[in-house]
Amino acid sequence: GNKFPKDAPSLNAVLGKYGLACVSGWYSGRLAHRSVEEEIAAVQSHLHLLADSGATVMVYGEVADAIQGEARPLYKRPRFQSQR
């Protein structure tokens, strides 16, 4: 991640050199730790980048409590409960 420009004109220019276009973009969300209003506010700049680049899809991945990069077995990862 974080290998591409964060402004639409620069992103479109980089991709355009190779005949490519931005069609989507991953967003690492933290809705499990934030209110809906906070999550909506946090995603705004990414949504604007995607829209200004011509993308119509955003890929949302919930990463709150993720264990990537930790020396923990996968079976010990946090699990969402229905009450959450």
PDB file of N, CA and C in Angstrom:
ATOM      1  N   GLY A   1       0.807  -1.197   0.000  1.00  0.00           N
ATOM      2  CA  GLY A   1       0.000   0.000   0.000  1.00  0.00           C
ATOM      3  C   GLY A   1       0.847   1.256   0.000  1.00  0.00           C
ATOM      4  N   ASN A   2       0.192   2.351  -0.179  1.00  0.00           N
ATOM      5  CA  ASN A   2       0.810   3.682  -0.165  1.00  0.00           C
ATOM      6  C   ASN A   2       1.899   3.852  -1.216  1.00  0.00           C
ATOM      7  N   LYS A   3       1.752   3.185  -2.345  1.00  0.00           N
ATOM      8  CA  LYS A   3       2.753   3.286  -3.399  1.00  0.00           C
ATOM      9  C   LYS A   3       2.311   4.220  -4.527  1.00  0.00           C
ATOM     10  N   PHE A   4       1.064   4.663  -4.486  1.00  0.00           N
ATOM     11  CA  PHE A   4       0.534   5.496  -5.548  1.00  0.00           C
ATOM     12  C   PHE A   4       0.227   6.893  -5.018  1.00  0.00           C
ATOM     13  N   PRO A   5       0.209   7.876  -5.913  1.00  0.00           N
ATOM     14  CA  PRO A   5      -0.110   9.246  -5.496  1.00  0.00           C
ATOM     15  C   PRO A   5      -1.483   9.333  -4.829  1.00  0.00           C
ATOM     16  N   LYS A   6      -1.631  10.290  -3.939  1.00  0.00           N
ATOM     17  CA  LYS A   6      -2.879  10.477  -3.197  1.00  0.00           C
ATOM     18  C   LYS A   6      -3.730  11.609  -3.755  1.00  0.00           C
ATOM     19  N   ASP A   7      -3.378  12.115  -4.944  1.00  0.00           N
ATOM     20  CA  ASP A   7      -4.229  13.111  -5.590  1.00  0.00           C
ATOM     21  C   ASP A   7      -4.571  12.604  -6.989  1.00  0.00           C
ATOM     22  N   ALA A   8      -5.803  12.859  -7.410  1.00  0.00           N
ATOM     23  CA  ALA A   8      -6.325  12.285  -8.649  1.00  0.00           C
ATOM     24  C   ALA A   8      -5.512  12.653  -9.892  1.00  0.00           C
ATOM     25  N   PRO A   9      -5.146  13.913 -10.097  1.00  0.00           N
ATOM     26  CA  PRO A   9      -4.380  14.217 -11.318  1.00  0.00           C
ATOM     27  C   PRO A   9      -3.064  13.435 -11.404  1.00  0.00           C
ATOM     28  N   SER A  10      -2.346  13.341 -10.307  1.00  0.00           N
ATOM     29  CA  SER A  10      -1.078  12.597 -10.310  1.00  0.00           C
ATOM     30  C   SER A  10      -1.316  11.106 -10.489  1.00  0.00           C
ATOM     31  N   LEU A  11      -2.322  10.578  -9.811  1.00  0.00           N
ATOM     32  CA  LEU A  11      -2.637   9.153  -9.937  1.00  0.00           C
ATOM     33  C   LEU A  11      -3.027   8.814 -11.369  1.00  0.00           C
ATOM     34  N   ASN A  12      -3.907   9.619 -11.953  1.00  0.00           N
ATOM     35  CA  ASN A  12      -4.329   9.371 -13.332  1.00  0.00           C
ATOM     36  C   ASN A  12      -3.160   9.475 -14.300  1.00  0.00           C
ATOM     37  N   ALA A  13      -2.238  10.399 -14.048  1.00  0.00           N
ATOM     38  CA  ALA A  13      -1.069  10.548 -14.921  1.00  0.00           C
ATOM     39  C   ALA A  13      -0.167   9.324 -14.847  1.00  0.00           C
ATOM     40  N   VAL A  14       0.093   8.845 -13.644  1.00  0.00           N
ATOM     41  CA  VAL A  14       0.956   7.667 -13.473  1.00  0.00           C
ATOM     42  C   VAL A  14       0.326   6.447 -14.140  1.00  0.00           C
ATOM     43  N   LEU A  15      -0.936   6.210 -13.877  1.00  0.00           N
ATOM     44  CA  LEU A  15      -1.606   5.047 -14.459  1.00  0.00           C
ATOM     45  C   LEU A  15      -1.756   5.187 -15.968  1.00  0.00           C
ATOM     46  N   GLY A  16      -2.049   6.414 -16.418  1.00  0.00           N
ATOM     47  CA  GLY A  16      -2.256   6.658 -17.837  1.00  0.00           C
ATOM     48  C   GLY A  16      -1.041   6.350 -18.691  1.00  0.00           C
ATOM     49  N   LYS A  17       0.164   6.487 -18.135  1.00  0.00           N
ATOM     50  CA  LYS A  17       1.390   6.159 -18.877  1.00  0.00           C
ATOM     51  C   LYS A  17       1.384   4.719 -19.364  1.00  0.00           C
ATOM     52  N   TYR A  18       0.646   3.871 -18.671  1.00  0.00           N
ATOM     53  CA  TYR A  18       0.613   2.445 -18.993  1.00  0.00           C
ATOM     54  C   TYR A  18      -0.737   2.017 -19.546  1.00  0.00           C
ATOM     55  N   GLY A  19      -1.555   2.976 -19.910  1.00  0.00           N
ATOM     56  CA  GLY A  19      -2.873   2.670 -20.447  1.00  0.00           C
ATOM     57  C   GLY A  19      -3.826   2.126 -19.395  1.00  0.00           C
ATOM     58  N   LEU A  20      -3.588   2.468 -18.136  1.00  0.00           N
ATOM     59  CA  LEU A  20      -4.416   1.977 -17.035  1.00  0.00           C
ATOM     60  C   LEU A  20      -5.257   3.103 -16.451  1.00  0.00           C
ATOM     61  N   ALA A  21      -6.270   2.712 -15.703  1.00  0.00           N
ATOM     62  CA  ALA A  21      -7.122   3.677 -15.007  1.00  0.00           C
ATOM     63  C   ALA A  21      -7.472   3.120 -13.640  1.00  0.00           C
ATOM     64  N   CYS A  22      -7.736   3.997 -12.712  1.00  0.00           N
ATOM     65  CA  CYS A  22      -8.151   3.584 -11.370  1.00  0.00           C
ATOM     66  C   CYS A  22      -9.619   3.168 -11.432  1.00  0.00           C
ATOM     67  N   VAL A  23      -9.911   1.940 -11.069  1.00  0.00           N
ATOM     68  CA  VAL A  23     -11.297   1.463 -11.082  1.00  0.00           C
ATOM     69  C   VAL A  23     -11.809   1.175  -9.683  1.00  0.00           C
ATOM     70  N   SER A  24     -10.908   1.112  -8.712  1.00  0.00           N
ATOM     71  CA  SER A  24     -11.298   0.800  -7.343  1.00  0.00           C
ATOM     72  C   SER A  24     -10.132   1.123  -6.421  1.00  0.00           C
ATOM     73  N   GLY A  25     -10.392   1.043  -5.128  1.00  0.00           N
ATOM     74  CA  GLY A  25      -9.324   1.252  -4.171  1.00  0.00           C
ATOM     75  C   GLY A  25      -9.685   0.684  -2.817  1.00  0.00           C
ATOM     76  N   TRP A  26      -8.716   0.079  -2.173  1.00  0.00           N
ATOM     77  CA  TRP A  26      -8.895  -0.533  -0.848  1.00  0.00           C
ATOM     78  C   TRP A  26      -8.933   0.542   0.222  1.00  0.00           C
ATOM     79  N   TYR A  27      -9.833   0.374   1.175  1.00  0.00           N
ATOM     80  CA  TYR A  27      -9.877   1.243   2.344  1.00  0.00           C
ATOM     81  C   TYR A  27      -9.841   0.374   3.590  1.00  0.00           C
ATOM     82  N   SER A  28      -8.895   0.637   4.456  1.00  0.00           N
ATOM     83  CA  SER A  28      -8.773  -0.100   5.716  1.00  0.00           C
ATOM     84  C   SER A  28      -9.625   0.590   6.772  1.00  0.00           C
ATOM     85  N   GLY A  29     -10.810   0.063   6.976  1.00  0.00           N
ATOM     86  CA  GLY A  29     -11.752   0.673   7.902  1.00  0.00           C
ATOM     87  C   GLY A  29     -11.570   0.206   9.336  1.00  0.00           C
ATOM     88  N   ARG A  30     -12.102   1.004  10.246  1.00  0.00           N
ATOM     89  CA  ARG A  30     -12.007   0.695  11.673  1.00  0.00           C
ATOM     90  C   ARG A  30     -13.361   0.920  12.346  1.00  0.00           C
ATOM     91  N   LEU A  31     -14.403   0.507  11.674  1.00  0.00           N
ATOM     92  CA  LEU A  31     -15.755   0.715  12.185  1.00  0.00           C
ATOM     93  C   LEU A  31     -15.987   0.010  13.513  1.00  0.00           C
ATOM     94  N   ALA A  32     -15.269  -1.047  13.775  1.00  0.00           N
ATOM     95  CA  ALA A  32     -15.415  -1.757  15.052  1.00  0.00           C
ATOM     96  C   ALA A  32     -14.904  -0.919  16.225  1.00  0.00           C
ATOM     97  N   HIS A  33     -14.102   0.095  15.928  1.00  0.00           N
ATOM     98  CA  HIS A  33     -13.545   0.954  16.981  1.00  0.00           C
ATOM     99  C   HIS A  33     -14.052   2.388  16.916  1.00  0.00           C
ATOM    100  N   ARG A  34     -14.806   2.719  15.862  1.00  0.00           N
ATOM    101  CA  ARG A  34     -15.280   4.093  15.695  1.00  0.00           C
ATOM    102  C   ARG A  34     -16.787   4.096  15.482  1.00  0.00           C
ATOM    103  N   SER A  35     -17.362   5.250  15.681  1.00  0.00           N
ATOM    104  CA  SER A  35     -18.782   5.403  15.364  1.00  0.00           C
ATOM    105  C   SER A  35     -18.938   5.474  13.846  1.00  0.00           C
ATOM    106  N   VAL A  36     -20.154   5.287  13.389  1.00  0.00           N
ATOM    107  CA  VAL A  36     -20.426   5.396  11.957  1.00  0.00           C
ATOM    108  C   VAL A  36     -20.036   6.789  11.461  1.00  0.00           C
ATOM    109  N   GLU A  37     -20.367   7.804  12.227  1.00  0.00           N
ATOM    110  CA  GLU A  37     -20.043   9.176  11.835  1.00  0.00           C
ATOM    111  C   GLU A  37     -18.530   9.381  11.722  1.00  0.00           C
ATOM    112  N   GLU A  38     -17.769   8.829  12.668  1.00  0.00           N
ATOM    113  CA  GLU A  38     -16.309   8.944  12.615  1.00  0.00           C
ATOM    114  C   GLU A  38     -15.740   8.203  11.414  1.00  0.00           C
ATOM    115  N   GLU A  39     -16.293   7.040  11.101  1.00  0.00           N
ATOM    116  CA  GLU A  39     -15.810   6.261   9.956  1.00  0.00           C
ATOM    117  C   GLU A  39     -16.113   6.991   8.648  1.00  0.00           C
ATOM    118  N   ILE A  40     -17.303   7.550   8.554  1.00  0.00           N
ATOM    119  CA  ILE A  40     -17.669   8.310   7.355  1.00  0.00           C
ATOM    120  C   ILE A  40     -16.735   9.501   7.180  1.00  0.00           C
ATOM    121  N   ALA A  41     -16.434  10.197   8.254  1.00  0.00           N
ATOM    122  CA  ALA A  41     -15.512  11.335   8.181  1.00  0.00           C
ATOM    123  C   ALA A  41     -14.110  10.878   7.778  1.00  0.00           C
ATOM    124  N   ALA A  42     -13.667   9.758   8.316  1.00  0.00           N
ATOM    125  CA  ALA A  42     -12.312   9.263   8.049  1.00  0.00           C
ATOM    126  C   ALA A  42     -12.118   8.830   6.597  1.00  0.00           C
ATOM    127  N   VAL A  43     -13.159   8.337   5.957  1.00  0.00           N
ATOM    128  CA  VAL A  43     -13.043   7.801   4.600  1.00  0.00           C
ATOM    129  C   VAL A  43     -13.184   8.878   3.518  1.00  0.00           C
ATOM    130  N   GLN A  44     -13.565  10.078   3.881  1.00  0.00           N
ATOM    131  CA  GLN A  44     -13.877  11.109   2.893  1.00  0.00           C
ATOM    132  C   GLN A  44     -12.759  11.382   1.892  1.00  0.00           C
ATOM    133  N   SER A  45     -11.545  11.563   2.349  1.00  0.00           N
ATOM    134  CA  SER A  45     -10.466  11.887   1.404  1.00  0.00           C
ATOM    135  C   SER A  45     -10.234  10.743   0.423  1.00  0.00           C
ATOM    136  N   HIS A  46     -10.367   9.507   0.891  1.00  0.00           N
ATOM    137  CA  HIS A  46     -10.191   8.358   0.000  1.00  0.00           C
ATOM    138  C   HIS A  46     -11.325   8.296  -1.023  1.00  0.00           C
ATOM    139  N   LEU A  47     -12.549   8.548  -0.573  1.00  0.00           N
ATOM    140  CA  LEU A  47     -13.687   8.559  -1.496  1.00  0.00           C
ATOM    141  C   LEU A  47     -13.519   9.632  -2.565  1.00  0.00           C
ATOM    142  N   HIS A  48     -13.048  10.807  -2.167  1.00  0.00           N
ATOM    143  CA  HIS A  48     -12.828  11.883  -3.138  1.00  0.00           C
ATOM    144  C   HIS A  48     -11.742  11.506  -4.136  1.00  0.00           C
ATOM    145  N   LEU A  49     -10.674  10.885  -3.658  1.00  0.00           N
ATOM    146  CA  LEU A  49      -9.617  10.437  -4.564  1.00  0.00           C
ATOM    147  C   LEU A  49     -10.174   9.455  -5.588  1.00  0.00           C
ATOM    148  N   LEU A  50     -10.935   8.479  -5.123  1.00  0.00           N
ATOM    149  CA  LEU A  50     -11.500   7.490  -6.045  1.00  0.00           C
ATOM    150  C   LEU A  50     -12.450   8.143  -7.039  1.00  0.00           C
ATOM    151  N   ALA A  51     -13.372   8.956  -6.545  1.00  0.00           N
ATOM    152  CA  ALA A  51     -14.347   9.602  -7.430  1.00  0.00           C
ATOM    153  C   ALA A  51     -13.659  10.518  -8.437  1.00  0.00           C
ATOM    154  N   ASP A  52     -12.700  11.297  -7.983  1.00  0.00           N
ATOM    155  CA  ASP A  52     -11.985  12.215  -8.873  1.00  0.00           C
ATOM    156  C   ASP A  52     -11.109  11.475  -9.875  1.00  0.00           C
ATOM    157  N   SER A  53     -10.803  10.218  -9.592  1.00  0.00           N
ATOM    158  CA  SER A  53     -10.001   9.395 -10.503  1.00  0.00           C
ATOM    159  C   SER A  53     -10.877   8.595 -11.456  1.00  0.00           C
ATOM    160  N   GLY A  54     -12.194   8.689 -11.280  1.00  0.00           N
ATOM    161  CA  GLY A  54     -13.113   7.975 -12.162  1.00  0.00           C
ATOM    162  C   GLY A  54     -13.542   6.618 -11.648  1.00  0.00           C
ATOM    163  N   ALA A  55     -13.094   6.234 -10.472  1.00  0.00           N
ATOM    164  CA  ALA A  55     -13.478   4.932  -9.908  1.00  0.00           C
ATOM    165  C   ALA A  55     -14.907   5.003  -9.379  1.00  0.00           C
ATOM    166  N   THR A  56     -15.614   3.897  -9.487  1.00  0.00           N
ATOM    167  CA  THR A  56     -16.992   3.831  -8.989  1.00  0.00           C
ATOM    168  C   THR A  56     -17.151   2.793  -7.885  1.00  0.00           C
ATOM    169  N   VAL A  57     -16.053   2.166  -7.487  1.00  0.00           N
ATOM    170  CA  VAL A  57     -16.093   1.107  -6.478  1.00  0.00           C
ATOM    171  C   VAL A  57     -15.022   1.374  -5.426  1.00  0.00           C
ATOM    172  N   MET A  58     -15.384   1.162  -4.163  1.00  0.00           N
ATOM    173  CA  MET A  58     -14.401   1.194  -3.082  1.00  0.00           C
ATOM    174  C   MET A  58     -14.450  -0.165  -2.395  1.00  0.00           C
ATOM    175  N   VAL A  59     -13.296  -0.754  -2.172  1.00  0.00           N
ATOM    176  CA  VAL A  59     -13.210  -2.021  -1.451  1.00  0.00           C
ATOM    177  C   VAL A  59     -12.978  -1.683   0.014  1.00  0.00           C
ATOM    178  N   TYR A  60     -13.886  -2.131   0.874  1.00  0.00           N
ATOM    179  CA  TYR A  60     -13.790  -1.832   2.303  1.00  0.00           C
ATOM    180  C   TYR A  60     -13.344  -3.085   3.034  1.00  0.00           C
ATOM    181  N   GLY A  61     -12.279  -2.965   3.798  1.00  0.00           N
ATOM    182  CA  GLY A  61     -11.814  -4.068   4.636  1.00  0.00           C
ATOM    183  C   GLY A  61     -11.757  -3.609   6.080  1.00  0.00           C
ATOM    184  N   GLU A  62     -12.423  -4.319   6.956  1.00  0.00           N
ATOM    185  CA  GLU A  62     -12.397  -3.985   8.383  1.00  0.00           C
ATOM    186  C   GLU A  62     -11.082  -4.485   8.960  1.00  0.00           C
ATOM    187  N   VAL A  63     -10.290  -3.583   9.530  1.00  0.00           N
ATOM    188  CA  VAL A  63      -8.977  -3.959  10.047  1.00  0.00           C
ATOM    189  C   VAL A  63      -8.831  -3.737  11.552  1.00  0.00           C
ATOM    190  N   ALA A  64      -9.877  -3.286  12.202  1.00  0.00           N
ATOM    191  CA  ALA A  64      -9.803  -3.111  13.656  1.00  0.00           C
ATOM    192  C   ALA A  64      -9.502  -4.467  14.291  1.00  0.00           C
ATOM    193  N   ASP A  65      -8.572  -4.499  15.190  1.00  0.00           N
ATOM    194  CA  ASP A  65      -8.142  -5.724  15.873  1.00  0.00           C
ATOM    195  C   ASP A  65      -7.445  -6.724  14.955  1.00  0.00           C
ATOM    196  N   ALA A  66      -7.005  -6.284  13.777  1.00  0.00           N
ATOM    197  CA  ALA A  66      -6.278  -7.192  12.886  1.00  0.00           C
ATOM    198  C   ALA A  66      -4.951  -7.590  13.537  1.00  0.00           C
ATOM    199  N   ILE A  67      -4.456  -8.768  13.184  1.00  0.00           N
ATOM    200  CA  ILE A  67      -3.223  -9.262  13.806  1.00  0.00           C
ATOM    201  C   ILE A  67      -2.059  -9.356  12.820  1.00  0.00           C
ATOM    202  N   GLN A  68      -2.189  -8.764  11.624  1.00  0.00           N
ATOM    203  CA  GLN A  68      -1.086  -8.788  10.673  1.00  0.00           C
ATOM    204  C   GLN A  68       0.151  -8.184  11.318  1.00  0.00           C
ATOM    205  N   GLY A  69       1.267  -8.820  11.094  1.00  0.00           N
ATOM    206  CA  GLY A  69       2.526  -8.326  11.625  1.00  0.00           C
ATOM    207  C   GLY A  69       2.792  -8.712  13.064  1.00  0.00           C
ATOM    208  N   GLU A  70       1.865  -9.399  13.683  1.00  0.00           N
ATOM    209  CA  GLU A  70       2.054  -9.839  15.063  1.00  0.00           C
ATOM    210  C   GLU A  70       2.448 -11.311  15.086  1.00  0.00           C
ATOM    211  N   ALA A  71       3.208 -11.681  16.081  1.00  0.00           N
ATOM    212  CA  ALA A  71       3.607 -13.081  16.245  1.00  0.00           C
ATOM    213  C   ALA A  71       2.522 -13.805  17.047  1.00  0.00           C
ATOM    214  N   ARG A  72       1.348 -13.892  16.437  1.00  0.00           N
ATOM    215  CA  ARG A  72       0.214 -14.558  17.082  1.00  0.00           C
ATOM    216  C   ARG A  72      -0.373 -15.569  16.124  1.00  0.00           C
ATOM    217  N   PRO A  73      -0.702 -16.759  16.592  1.00  0.00           N
ATOM    218  CA  PRO A  73      -1.328 -17.741  15.711  1.00  0.00           C
ATOM    219  C   PRO A  73      -2.694 -17.241  15.245  1.00  0.00           C
ATOM    220  N   LEU A  74      -3.045 -17.595  14.029  1.00  0.00           N
ATOM    221  CA  LEU A  74      -4.311 -17.163  13.455  1.00  0.00           C
ATOM    222  C   LEU A  74      -5.503 -17.589  14.306  1.00  0.00           C
ATOM    223  N   TYR A  75      -5.419 -18.741  14.936  1.00  0.00           N
ATOM    224  CA  TYR A  75      -6.560 -19.204  15.726  1.00  0.00           C
ATOM    225  C   TYR A  75      -6.792 -18.343  16.971  1.00  0.00           C
ATOM    226  N   LYS A  76      -5.820 -17.488  17.314  1.00  0.00           N
ATOM    227  CA  LYS A  76      -5.980 -16.601  18.472  1.00  0.00           C
ATOM    228  C   LYS A  76      -6.419 -15.188  18.073  1.00  0.00           C
ATOM    229  N   ARG A  77      -6.773 -15.011  16.808  1.00  0.00           N
ATOM    230  CA  ARG A  77      -7.202 -13.689  16.362  1.00  0.00           C
ATOM    231  C   ARG A  77      -8.532 -13.312  17.012  1.00  0.00           C
ATOM    232  N   PRO A  78      -8.790 -12.034  17.150  1.00  0.00           N
ATOM    233  CA  PRO A  78     -10.084 -11.607  17.687  1.00  0.00           C
ATOM    234  C   PRO A  78     -11.205 -12.010  16.733  1.00  0.00           C
ATOM    235  N   ARG A  79     -12.341 -12.276  17.266  1.00  0.00           N
ATOM    236  CA  ARG A  79     -13.507 -12.632  16.451  1.00  0.00           C
ATOM    237  C   ARG A  79     -14.652 -11.700  16.802  1.00  0.00           C
ATOM    238  N   PHE A  80     -15.379 -11.318  15.780  1.00  0.00           N
ATOM    239  CA  PHE A  80     -16.553 -10.487  16.011  1.00  0.00           C
ATOM    240  C   PHE A  80     -17.664 -11.342  16.588  1.00  0.00           C
ATOM    241  N   GLN A  81     -18.343 -10.792  17.544  1.00  0.00           N
ATOM    242  CA  GLN A  81     -19.494 -11.458  18.149  1.00  0.00           C
ATOM    243  C   GLN A  81     -20.755 -10.745  17.670  1.00  0.00           C
ATOM    244  N   SER A  82     -21.875 -11.415  17.730  1.00  0.00           N
ATOM    245  CA  SER A  82     -23.114 -10.815  17.242  1.00  0.00           C
ATOM    246  C   SER A  82     -23.504  -9.576  18.040  1.00  0.00           C
ATOM    247  N   GLN A  83     -23.045  -9.467  19.279  1.00  0.00           N
ATOM    248  CA  GLN A  83     -23.379  -8.309  20.104  1.00  0.00           C
ATOM    249  C   GLN A  83     -22.600  -7.066  19.693  1.00  0.00           C
ATOM    250  N   ARG A  84     -21.551  -7.222  18.953  1.00  0.00           N
ATOM    251  CA  ARG A  84     -20.679  -6.113  18.591  1.00  0.00           C
ATOM    252  C   ARG A  84     -21.258  -5.370  17.487  1.00  0.00           C
TER     253      ARG A  84
END
